[in-house]
């Protein structure tokens, strides 16, 4: 039962990371195209929209203790 739960959780996390990467990459590509097309304000806004969550995840993950960064509790003796 526990193995299946861990396996399912791992699959869900992997799938979420893949979708997050696709969304961030799409936002960066669209922002780059808008800047190339001469719409600098819209392009910069879209780039920041794509980069904001990525940078935020690294900053928040770095400032939290290991047990809070993953959302799991560590086993303490």
C-alpha atoms as a PDB file:
ATOM      1  CA  UNK A   1       0.000   0.000   0.000  1.00  0.00           C
ATOM      2  CA  UNK A   2       2.770   2.437   0.947  1.00  0.00           C
ATOM      3  CA  UNK A   3       4.805   1.620  -2.155  1.00  0.00           C
ATOM      4  CA  UNK A   4       1.837   2.295  -4.391  1.00  0.00           C
ATOM      5  CA  UNK A   5       1.193   5.598  -2.617  1.00  0.00           C
ATOM      6  CA  UNK A   6       4.823   6.656  -3.025  1.00  0.00           C
ATOM      7  CA  UNK A   7       4.834   5.582  -6.683  1.00  0.00           C
ATOM      8  CA  UNK A   8       1.630   7.496  -7.390  1.00  0.00           C
ATOM      9  CA  UNK A   9       2.941  10.578  -5.603  1.00  0.00           C
ATOM     10  CA  UNK A  10       6.169  10.417  -7.602  1.00  0.00           C
ATOM     11  CA  UNK A  11       4.264  10.152 -10.886  1.00  0.00           C
ATOM     12  CA  UNK A  12       2.055  13.090  -9.934  1.00  0.00           C
ATOM     13  CA  UNK A  13       5.014  15.281  -9.004  1.00  0.00           C
ATOM     14  CA  UNK A  14       6.857  14.375 -12.204  1.00  0.00           C
ATOM     15  CA  UNK A  15       3.804  15.156 -14.318  1.00  0.00           C
ATOM     16  CA  UNK A  16       3.331  18.483 -12.527  1.00  0.00           C
ATOM     17  CA  UNK A  17       6.962  19.433 -13.182  1.00  0.00           C
ATOM     18  CA  UNK A  18       6.633  18.576 -16.860  1.00  0.00           C
ATOM     19  CA  UNK A  19       3.483  20.672 -17.243  1.00  0.00           C
ATOM     20  CA  UNK A  20       5.051  23.565 -15.330  1.00  0.00           C
ATOM     21  CA  UNK A  21       8.068  23.431 -17.634  1.00  0.00           C
ATOM     22  CA  UNK A  22       5.841  23.464 -20.726  1.00  0.00           C
ATOM     23  CA  UNK A  23       3.823  26.438 -19.459  1.00  0.00           C
ATOM     24  CA  UNK A  24       6.953  28.396 -18.485  1.00  0.00           C
ATOM     25  CA  UNK A  25       8.625  27.631 -21.813  1.00  0.00           C
ATOM     26  CA  UNK A  26       5.514  28.717 -23.722  1.00  0.00           C
ATOM     27  CA  UNK A  27       5.364  32.000 -21.785  1.00  0.00           C
ATOM     28  CA  UNK A  28       9.046  32.666 -22.465  1.00  0.00           C
ATOM     29  CA  UNK A  29       8.697  31.905 -26.175  1.00  0.00           C
ATOM     30  CA  UNK A  30       5.596  34.054 -26.543  1.00  0.00           C
ATOM     31  CA  UNK A  31       7.263  36.896 -24.624  1.00  0.00           C
ATOM     32  CA  UNK A  32      10.345  36.656 -26.819  1.00  0.00           C
ATOM     33  CA  UNK A  33       8.210  36.715 -29.953  1.00  0.00           C
ATOM     34  CA  UNK A  34       6.276  39.761 -28.734  1.00  0.00           C
ATOM     35  CA  UNK A  35       9.514  41.628 -28.041  1.00  0.00           C
ATOM     36  CA  UNK A  36      10.831  40.615 -31.477  1.00  0.00           C
ATOM     37  CA  UNK A  37       7.557  41.802 -33.039  1.00  0.00           C
ATOM     38  CA  UNK A  38       7.983  45.277 -31.510  1.00  0.00           C
ATOM     39  CA  UNK A  39       5.488  44.996 -28.648  1.00  0.00           C
ATOM     40  CA  UNK A  40       8.015  45.532 -25.886  1.00  0.00           C
ATOM     41  CA  UNK A  41       5.625  46.201 -22.985  1.00  0.00           C
ATOM     42  CA  UNK A  42       3.516  43.113 -23.695  1.00  0.00           C
ATOM     43  CA  UNK A  43       6.626  41.031 -24.326  1.00  0.00           C
ATOM     44  CA  UNK A  44       8.364  42.046 -21.120  1.00  0.00           C
ATOM     45  CA  UNK A  45       5.168  41.461 -19.161  1.00  0.00           C
ATOM     46  CA  UNK A  46       4.810  37.994 -20.630  1.00  0.00           C
ATOM     47  CA  UNK A  47       8.469  37.185 -19.939  1.00  0.00           C
ATOM     48  CA  UNK A  48       8.100  38.273 -16.327  1.00  0.00           C
ATOM     49  CA  UNK A  49       4.910  36.243 -16.050  1.00  0.00           C
ATOM     50  CA  UNK A  50       6.829  33.194 -17.232  1.00  0.00           C
ATOM     51  CA  UNK A  51       9.921  33.771 -15.105  1.00  0.00           C
ATOM     52  CA  UNK A  52       8.174  34.907 -11.906  1.00  0.00           C
ATOM     53  CA  UNK A  53       6.972  31.505 -10.701  1.00  0.00           C
ATOM     54  CA  UNK A  54      10.282  29.863 -11.574  1.00  0.00           C
ATOM     55  CA  UNK A  55      12.320  32.401  -9.623  1.00  0.00           C
ATOM     56  CA  UNK A  56       9.766  32.372  -6.803  1.00  0.00           C
ATOM     57  CA  UNK A  57       9.992  28.593  -6.454  1.00  0.00           C
ATOM     58  CA  UNK A  58      13.766  28.744  -6.094  1.00  0.00           C
ATOM     59  CA  UNK A  59      13.667  31.612  -3.587  1.00  0.00           C
ATOM     60  CA  UNK A  60      10.927  30.088  -1.437  1.00  0.00           C
ATOM     61  CA  UNK A  61      12.435  26.601  -1.629  1.00  0.00           C
ATOM     62  CA  UNK A  62      15.836  27.895  -0.577  1.00  0.00           C
ATOM     63  CA  UNK A  63      14.519  29.799   2.450  1.00  0.00           C
ATOM     64  CA  UNK A  64      12.498  26.929   3.921  1.00  0.00           C
ATOM     65  CA  UNK A  65      13.825  24.054   6.017  1.00  0.00           C
ATOM     66  CA  UNK A  66      13.978  20.731   4.127  1.00  0.00           C
ATOM     67  CA  UNK A  67      10.837  19.322   5.747  1.00  0.00           C
ATOM     68  CA  UNK A  68       8.733  22.356   4.754  1.00  0.00           C
ATOM     69  CA  UNK A  69      10.106  22.708   1.230  1.00  0.00           C
ATOM     70  CA  UNK A  70       8.616  19.375   0.189  1.00  0.00           C
ATOM     71  CA  UNK A  71       5.457  19.662   2.226  1.00  0.00           C
ATOM     72  CA  UNK A  72       6.309  16.491   4.119  1.00  0.00           C
ATOM     73  CA  UNK A  73       7.271  15.886   7.679  1.00  0.00           C
ATOM     74  CA  UNK A  74      10.589  14.279   8.441  1.00  0.00           C
ATOM     75  CA  UNK A  75      10.681  11.277  10.748  1.00  0.00           C
ATOM     76  CA  UNK A  76      12.272  12.291  14.000  1.00  0.00           C
ATOM     77  CA  UNK A  77      13.510   9.680  16.503  1.00  0.00           C
END
